[in-house]
PDB file of N, CA and C in Angstrom:
ATOM      1  N   MET A   1      26.606  -7.400 -15.770  1.00  0.00           N
ATOM      2  CA  MET A   1      25.912  -7.120 -14.524  1.00  0.00           C
ATOM      3  C   MET A   1      24.971  -8.274 -14.226  1.00  0.00           C
ATOM      4  N   SER A   2      24.916  -8.664 -12.991  1.00  0.00           N
ATOM      5  CA  SER A   2      24.069  -9.774 -12.583  1.00  0.00           C
ATOM      6  C   SER A   2      22.622  -9.323 -12.397  1.00  0.00           C
ATOM      7  N   ASP A   3      21.664 -10.116 -12.861  1.00  0.00           N
ATOM      8  CA  ASP A   3      20.248  -9.797 -12.724  1.00  0.00           C
ATOM      9  C   ASP A   3      19.766  -9.847 -11.280  1.00  0.00           C
ATOM     10  N   ARG A   4      20.472 -10.503 -10.408  1.00  0.00           N
ATOM     11  CA  ARG A   4      19.992 -10.627  -9.031  1.00  0.00           C
ATOM     12  C   ARG A   4      19.891  -9.275  -8.337  1.00  0.00           C
ATOM     13  N   TYR A   5      20.582  -8.277  -8.830  1.00  0.00           N
ATOM     14  CA  TYR A   5      20.517  -6.958  -8.227  1.00  0.00           C
ATOM     15  C   TYR A   5      19.412  -6.094  -8.835  1.00  0.00           C
ATOM     16  N   LEU A   6      18.725  -6.614  -9.821  1.00  0.00           N
ATOM     17  CA  LEU A   6      17.701  -5.839 -10.500  1.00  0.00           C
ATOM     18  C   LEU A   6      16.298  -6.182 -10.020  1.00  0.00           C
ATOM     19  N   GLU A   7      16.158  -7.104  -9.084  1.00  0.00           N
ATOM     20  CA  GLU A   7      14.859  -7.481  -8.542  1.00  0.00           C
ATOM     21  C   GLU A   7      14.481  -6.476  -7.455  1.00  0.00           C
ATOM     22  N   PRO A   8      13.445  -5.637  -7.692  1.00  0.00           N
ATOM     23  CA  PRO A   8      13.135  -4.564  -6.740  1.00  0.00           C
ATOM     24  C   PRO A   8      12.606  -5.050  -5.399  1.00  0.00           C
ATOM     25  N   VAL A   9      11.955  -6.190  -5.357  1.00  0.00           N
ATOM     26  CA  VAL A   9      11.418  -6.703  -4.098  1.00  0.00           C
ATOM     27  C   VAL A   9      11.864  -8.157  -3.970  1.00  0.00           C
ATOM     28  N   GLN A  10      13.050  -8.342  -3.467  1.00  0.00           N
ATOM     29  CA  GLN A  10      13.635  -9.668  -3.438  1.00  0.00           C
ATOM     30  C   GLN A  10      12.984 -10.597  -2.423  1.00  0.00           C
ATOM     31  N   SER A  11      12.289 -10.056  -1.438  1.00  0.00           N
ATOM     32  CA  SER A  11      11.700 -10.909  -0.410  1.00  0.00           C
ATOM     33  C   SER A  11      10.331 -11.454  -0.802  1.00  0.00           C
ATOM     34  N   ARG A  12       9.760 -10.972  -1.894  1.00  0.00           N
ATOM     35  CA  ARG A  12       8.437 -11.452  -2.319  1.00  0.00           C
ATOM     36  C   ARG A  12       8.522 -12.893  -2.792  1.00  0.00           C
ATOM     37  N   THR A  13       7.518 -13.673  -2.388  1.00  0.00           N
ATOM     38  CA  THR A  13       7.436 -15.049  -2.867  1.00  0.00           C
ATOM     39  C   THR A  13       6.322 -15.209  -3.895  1.00  0.00           C
ATOM     40  N   THR A  14       5.433 -14.213  -3.981  1.00  0.00           N
ATOM     41  CA  THR A  14       4.350 -14.228  -4.961  1.00  0.00           C
ATOM     42  C   THR A  14       4.222 -12.842  -5.582  1.00  0.00           C
ATOM     43  N   ALA A  15       3.554 -12.799  -6.706  1.00  0.00           N
ATOM     44  CA  ALA A  15       3.302 -11.510  -7.360  1.00  0.00           C
ATOM     45  C   ALA A  15       2.233 -10.746  -6.576  1.00  0.00           C
ATOM     46  N   PRO A  16       2.291  -9.420  -6.600  1.00  0.00           N
ATOM     47  CA  PRO A  16       1.258  -8.647  -5.914  1.00  0.00           C
ATOM     48  C   PRO A  16      -0.108  -8.864  -6.575  1.00  0.00           C
ATOM     49  N   THR A  17      -1.136  -8.826  -5.761  1.00  0.00           N
ATOM     50  CA  THR A  17      -2.499  -8.958  -6.269  1.00  0.00           C
ATOM     51  C   THR A  17      -2.913  -7.652  -6.946  1.00  0.00           C
ATOM     52  N   PRO A  18      -3.966  -7.681  -7.742  1.00  0.00           N
ATOM     53  CA  PRO A  18      -4.452  -6.432  -8.330  1.00  0.00           C
ATOM     54  C   PRO A  18      -4.800  -5.383  -7.261  1.00  0.00           C
ATOM     55  N   TYR A  19      -5.379  -5.810  -6.142  1.00  0.00           N
ATOM     56  CA  TYR A  19      -5.694  -4.865  -5.076  1.00  0.00           C
ATOM     57  C   TYR A  19      -4.415  -4.254  -4.507  1.00  0.00           C
ATOM     58  N   GLU A  20      -3.392  -5.068  -4.275  1.00  0.00           N
ATOM     59  CA  GLU A  20      -2.130  -4.553  -3.746  1.00  0.00           C
ATOM     60  C   GLU A  20      -1.494  -3.557  -4.705  1.00  0.00           C
ATOM     61  N   LEU A  21      -1.571  -3.826  -5.999  1.00  0.00           N
ATOM     62  CA  LEU A  21      -1.025  -2.889  -6.984  1.00  0.00           C
ATOM     63  C   LEU A  21      -1.799  -1.573  -6.982  1.00  0.00           C
ATOM     64  N   LYS A  22      -3.131  -1.668  -6.894  1.00  0.00           N
ATOM     65  CA  LYS A  22      -3.954  -0.462  -6.859  1.00  0.00           C
ATOM     66  C   LYS A  22      -3.677   0.343  -5.595  1.00  0.00           C
ATOM     67  N   LEU A  23      -3.571  -0.344  -4.453  1.00  0.00           N
ATOM     68  CA  LEU A  23      -3.283   0.323  -3.193  1.00  0.00           C
ATOM     69  C   LEU A  23      -1.904   0.980  -3.231  1.00  0.00           C
ATOM     70  N   ALA A  24      -0.918   0.283  -3.761  1.00  0.00           N
ATOM     71  CA  ALA A  24       0.434   0.846  -3.857  1.00  0.00           C
ATOM     72  C   ALA A  24       0.442   2.099  -4.719  1.00  0.00           C
ATOM     73  N   GLY A  25      -0.268   2.056  -5.840  1.00  0.00           N
ATOM     74  CA  GLY A  25      -0.350   3.230  -6.699  1.00  0.00           C
ATOM     75  C   GLY A  25      -1.013   4.404  -6.004  1.00  0.00           C
ATOM     76  N   ALA A  26      -2.062   4.107  -5.243  1.00  0.00           N
ATOM     77  CA  ALA A  26      -2.758   5.171  -4.519  1.00  0.00           C
ATOM     78  C   ALA A  26      -1.867   5.763  -3.430  1.00  0.00           C
ATOM     79  N   ILE A  27      -1.127   4.917  -2.726  1.00  0.00           N
ATOM     80  CA  ILE A  27      -0.214   5.407  -1.686  1.00  0.00           C
ATOM     81  C   ILE A  27       0.846   6.314  -2.316  1.00  0.00           C
ATOM     82  N   GLU A  28       1.397   5.915  -3.450  1.00  0.00           N
ATOM     83  CA  GLU A  28       2.381   6.756  -4.137  1.00  0.00           C
ATOM     84  C   GLU A  28       1.764   8.090  -4.546  1.00  0.00           C
ATOM     85  N   GLU A  29       0.515   8.045  -5.007  1.00  0.00           N
ATOM     86  CA  GLU A  29      -0.159   9.281  -5.412  1.00  0.00           C
ATOM     87  C   GLU A  29      -0.353  10.219  -4.221  1.00  0.00           C
ATOM     88  N   VAL A  30      -0.747   9.661  -3.080  1.00  0.00           N
ATOM     89  CA  VAL A  30      -0.936  10.486  -1.882  1.00  0.00           C
ATOM     90  C   VAL A  30       0.402  11.075  -1.443  1.00  0.00           C
ATOM     91  N   PHE A  31       1.443  10.250  -1.388  1.00  0.00           N
ATOM     92  CA  PHE A  31       2.760  10.765  -1.015  1.00  0.00           C
ATOM     93  C   PHE A  31       3.215  11.837  -2.004  1.00  0.00           C
ATOM     94  N   GLY A  32       2.941  11.623  -3.285  1.00  0.00           N
ATOM     95  CA  GLY A  32       3.324  12.581  -4.307  1.00  0.00           C
ATOM     96  C   GLY A  32       2.614  13.918  -4.177  1.00  0.00           C
ATOM     97  N   SER A  33       1.462  13.905  -3.507  1.00  0.00           N
ATOM     98  CA  SER A  33       0.724  15.153  -3.304  1.00  0.00           C
ATOM     99  C   SER A  33       1.257  15.951  -2.118  1.00  0.00           C
ATOM    100  N   GLY A  34       2.270  15.390  -1.430  1.00  0.00           N
ATOM    101  CA  GLY A  34       2.885  16.110  -0.326  1.00  0.00           C
ATOM    102  C   GLY A  34       2.439  15.674   1.054  1.00  0.00           C
ATOM    103  N   ARG A  35       1.578  14.700   1.116  1.00  0.00           N
ATOM    104  CA  ARG A  35       1.148  14.194   2.432  1.00  0.00           C
ATOM    105  C   ARG A  35       2.064  13.051   2.826  1.00  0.00           C
ATOM    106  N   HIS A  36       2.678  13.183   3.990  1.00  0.00           N
ATOM    107  CA  HIS A  36       3.650  12.178   4.409  1.00  0.00           C
ATOM    108  C   HIS A  36       3.410  11.645   5.805  1.00  0.00           C
ATOM    109  N   ASP A  37       2.273  11.993   6.405  1.00  0.00           N
ATOM    110  CA  ASP A  37       1.978  11.451   7.728  1.00  0.00           C
ATOM    111  C   ASP A  37       0.794  10.496   7.624  1.00  0.00           C
ATOM    112  N   LEU A  38       0.585   9.692   8.653  1.00  0.00           N
ATOM    113  CA  LEU A  38      -0.457   8.669   8.614  1.00  0.00           C
ATOM    114  C   LEU A  38      -1.854   9.268   8.454  1.00  0.00           C
ATOM    115  N   PRO A  39      -2.216  10.309   9.207  1.00  0.00           N
ATOM    116  CA  PRO A  39      -3.548  10.890   8.994  1.00  0.00           C
ATOM    117  C   PRO A  39      -3.742  11.405   7.561  1.00  0.00           C
ATOM    118  N   GLY A  40      -2.717  12.025   6.996  1.00  0.00           N
ATOM    119  CA  GLY A  40      -2.809  12.511   5.625  1.00  0.00           C
ATOM    120  C   GLY A  40      -2.921  11.380   4.618  1.00  0.00           C
ATOM    121  N   LEU A  41      -2.193  10.312   4.855  1.00  0.00           N
ATOM    122  CA  LEU A  41      -2.246   9.154   3.969  1.00  0.00           C
ATOM    123  C   LEU A  41      -3.633   8.531   3.980  1.00  0.00           C
ATOM    124  N   VAL A  42      -4.162   8.323   5.174  1.00  0.00           N
ATOM    125  CA  VAL A  42      -5.499   7.732   5.319  1.00  0.00           C
ATOM    126  C   VAL A  42      -6.555   8.623   4.658  1.00  0.00           C
ATOM    127  N   ALA A  43      -6.472   9.915   4.898  1.00  0.00           N
ATOM    128  CA  ALA A  43      -7.424  10.845   4.281  1.00  0.00           C
ATOM    129  C   ALA A  43      -7.302  10.796   2.765  1.00  0.00           C
ATOM    130  N   GLY A  44      -6.081  10.742   2.265  1.00  0.00           N
ATOM    131  CA  GLY A  44      -5.863  10.693   0.828  1.00  0.00           C
ATOM    132  C   GLY A  44      -6.434   9.436   0.189  1.00  0.00           C
ATOM    133  N   LEU A  45      -6.255   8.301   0.838  1.00  0.00           N
ATOM    134  CA  LEU A  45      -6.828   7.060   0.303  1.00  0.00           C
ATOM    135  C   LEU A  45      -8.345   7.154   0.241  1.00  0.00           C
ATOM    136  N   ASN A  46      -8.939   7.710   1.286  1.00  0.00           N
ATOM    137  CA  ASN A  46     -10.395   7.873   1.296  1.00  0.00           C
ATOM    138  C   ASN A  46     -10.849   8.842   0.214  1.00  0.00           C
ATOM    139  N   GLU A  47     -10.112   9.919   0.018  1.00  0.00           N
ATOM    140  CA  GLU A  47     -10.463  10.898  -1.018  1.00  0.00           C
ATOM    141  C   GLU A  47     -10.358  10.304  -2.419  1.00  0.00           C
ATOM    142  N   LEU A  48      -9.407   9.395  -2.609  1.00  0.00           N
ATOM    143  CA  LEU A  48      -9.248   8.737  -3.899  1.00  0.00           C
ATOM    144  C   LEU A  48     -10.284   7.637  -4.133  1.00  0.00           C
ATOM    145  N   GLY A  49     -11.023   7.311  -3.086  1.00  0.00           N
ATOM    146  CA  GLY A  49     -12.050   6.277  -3.208  1.00  0.00           C
ATOM    147  C   GLY A  49     -11.506   4.864  -3.180  1.00  0.00           C
ATOM    148  N   ILE A  50     -10.324   4.700  -2.583  1.00  0.00           N
ATOM    149  CA  ILE A  50      -9.728   3.375  -2.453  1.00  0.00           C
ATOM    150  C   ILE A  50     -10.215   2.779  -1.130  1.00  0.00           C
ATOM    151  N   PRO A  51     -11.065   1.770  -1.169  1.00  0.00           N
ATOM    152  CA  PRO A  51     -11.579   1.215   0.084  1.00  0.00           C
ATOM    153  C   PRO A  51     -10.554   0.311   0.767  1.00  0.00           C
ATOM    154  N   ALA A  52     -10.743   0.130   2.052  1.00  0.00           N
ATOM    155  CA  ALA A  52      -9.973  -0.880   2.783  1.00  0.00           C
ATOM    156  C   ALA A  52     -10.397  -2.253   2.257  1.00  0.00           C
ATOM    157  N   PRO A  53      -9.649  -3.299   2.551  1.00  0.00           N
ATOM    158  CA  PRO A  53      -9.994  -4.623   2.012  1.00  0.00           C
ATOM    159  C   PRO A  53     -11.415  -5.085   2.340  1.00  0.00           C
ATOM    160  N   ASP A  54     -11.955  -4.631   3.461  1.00  0.00           N
ATOM    161  CA  ASP A  54     -13.316  -5.030   3.819  1.00  0.00           C
ATOM    162  C   ASP A  54     -14.375  -4.119   3.209  1.00  0.00           C
ATOM    163  N   GLY A  55     -13.946  -3.160   2.392  1.00  0.00           N
ATOM    164  CA  GLY A  55     -14.872  -2.255   1.728  1.00  0.00           C
ATOM    165  C   GLY A  55     -15.162  -0.983   2.506  1.00  0.00           C
ATOM    166  N   ALA A  56     -14.665  -0.902   3.729  1.00  0.00           N
ATOM    167  CA  ALA A  56     -14.899   0.266   4.578  1.00  0.00           C
ATOM    168  C   ALA A  56     -13.943   1.393   4.218  1.00  0.00           C
ATOM    169  N   THR A  57     -14.197   2.559   4.782  1.00  0.00           N
ATOM    170  CA  THR A  57     -13.243   3.655   4.629  1.00  0.00           C
ATOM    171  C   THR A  57     -12.051   3.384   5.546  1.00  0.00           C
ATOM    172  N   TRP A  58     -10.950   3.999   5.198  1.00  0.00           N
ATOM    173  CA  TRP A  58      -9.715   3.817   5.962  1.00  0.00           C
ATOM    174  C   TRP A  58      -9.730   4.650   7.234  1.00  0.00           C
ATOM    175  N   ASP A  59      -9.097   4.117   8.281  1.00  0.00           N
ATOM    176  CA  ASP A  59      -8.687   4.888   9.440  1.00  0.00           C
ATOM    177  C   ASP A  59      -7.275   4.413   9.773  1.00  0.00           C
ATOM    178  N   ALA A  60      -6.619   5.085  10.678  1.00  0.00           N
ATOM    179  CA  ALA A  60      -5.211   4.775  10.964  1.00  0.00           C
ATOM    180  C   ALA A  60      -5.028   3.334  11.431  1.00  0.00           C
ATOM    181  N   ASP A  61      -5.897   2.876  12.319  1.00  0.00           N
ATOM    182  CA  ASP A  61      -5.759   1.507  12.826  1.00  0.00           C
ATOM    183  C   ASP A  61      -5.926   0.477  11.712  1.00  0.00           C
ATOM    184  N   MET A  62      -6.904   0.704  10.844  1.00  0.00           N
ATOM    185  CA  MET A  62      -7.141  -0.221   9.734  1.00  0.00           C
ATOM    186  C   MET A  62      -5.927  -0.249   8.804  1.00  0.00           C
ATOM    187  N   PHE A  63      -5.367   0.915   8.513  1.00  0.00           N
ATOM    188  CA  PHE A  63      -4.206   0.966   7.626  1.00  0.00           C
ATOM    189  C   PHE A  63      -3.036   0.177   8.210  1.00  0.00           C
ATOM    190  N   LEU A  64      -2.744   0.382   9.484  1.00  0.00           N
ATOM    191  CA  LEU A  64      -1.632  -0.330  10.114  1.00  0.00           C
ATOM    192  C   LEU A  64      -1.879  -1.834  10.142  1.00  0.00           C
ATOM    193  N   THR A  65      -3.107  -2.230  10.420  1.00  0.00           N
ATOM    194  CA  THR A  65      -3.452  -3.651  10.440  1.00  0.00           C
ATOM    195  C   THR A  65      -3.271  -4.282   9.071  1.00  0.00           C
ATOM    196  N   VAL A  66      -3.724  -3.588   8.026  1.00  0.00           N
ATOM    197  CA  VAL A  66      -3.594  -4.116   6.663  1.00  0.00           C
ATOM    198  C   VAL A  66      -2.121  -4.216   6.268  1.00  0.00           C
ATOM    199  N   MET A  67      -1.336  -3.192   6.585  1.00  0.00           N
ATOM    200  CA  MET A  67       0.086  -3.245   6.236  1.00  0.00           C
ATOM    201  C   MET A  67       0.778  -4.400   6.952  1.00  0.00           C
ATOM    202  N   GLU A  68       0.449  -4.625   8.203  1.00  0.00           N
ATOM    203  CA  GLU A  68       1.028  -5.751   8.950  1.00  0.00           C
ATOM    204  C   GLU A  68       0.611  -7.080   8.337  1.00  0.00           C
ATOM    205  N   SER A  69      -0.645  -7.203   7.928  1.00  0.00           N
ATOM    206  CA  SER A  69      -1.105  -8.460   7.347  1.00  0.00           C
ATOM    207  C   SER A  69      -0.457  -8.720   5.983  1.00  0.00           C
ATOM    208  N   LEU A  70      -0.283  -7.669   5.202  1.00  0.00           N
ATOM    209  CA  LEU A  70       0.391  -7.837   3.908  1.00  0.00           C
ATOM    210  C   LEU A  70       1.833  -8.271   4.097  1.00  0.00           C
ATOM    211  N   GLU A  71       2.493  -7.722   5.088  1.00  0.00           N
ATOM    212  CA  GLU A  71       3.870  -8.120   5.360  1.00  0.00           C
ATOM    213  C   GLU A  71       3.930  -9.579   5.821  1.00  0.00           C
ATOM    214  N   ALA A  72       2.989  -9.982   6.655  1.00  0.00           N
ATOM    215  CA  ALA A  72       2.982 -11.343   7.183  1.00  0.00           C
ATOM    216  C   ALA A  72       2.736 -12.371   6.091  1.00  0.00           C
ATOM    217  N   GLU A  73       1.996 -11.990   5.049  1.00  0.00           N
ATOM    218  CA  GLU A  73       1.706 -12.901   3.962  1.00  0.00           C
ATOM    219  C   GLU A  73       2.920 -13.176   3.089  1.00  0.00           C
ATOM    220  N   ARG A  74       3.912 -12.343   3.149  1.00  0.00           N
ATOM    221  CA  ARG A  74       5.074 -12.492   2.274  1.00  0.00           C
ATOM    222  C   ARG A  74       6.069 -13.355   2.928  1.00  0.00           C
TER     223      ARG A  74
END
């Protein structure tokens, strides 16, 4: 079997930062709790104490902006 099919994120050019890993884990935890909409996700991140990159609490607009910026960086 070829290893090229085992790379989970083939479009990444750099390794995720510690913040990105923490945020990804928190998002998985929120989804795992049964919340699957944007308001629930944002509320869950705030409840877990995961701040937005600027240190503020999350809101829907901030979450979408951060996700767009993370995608643009890759």
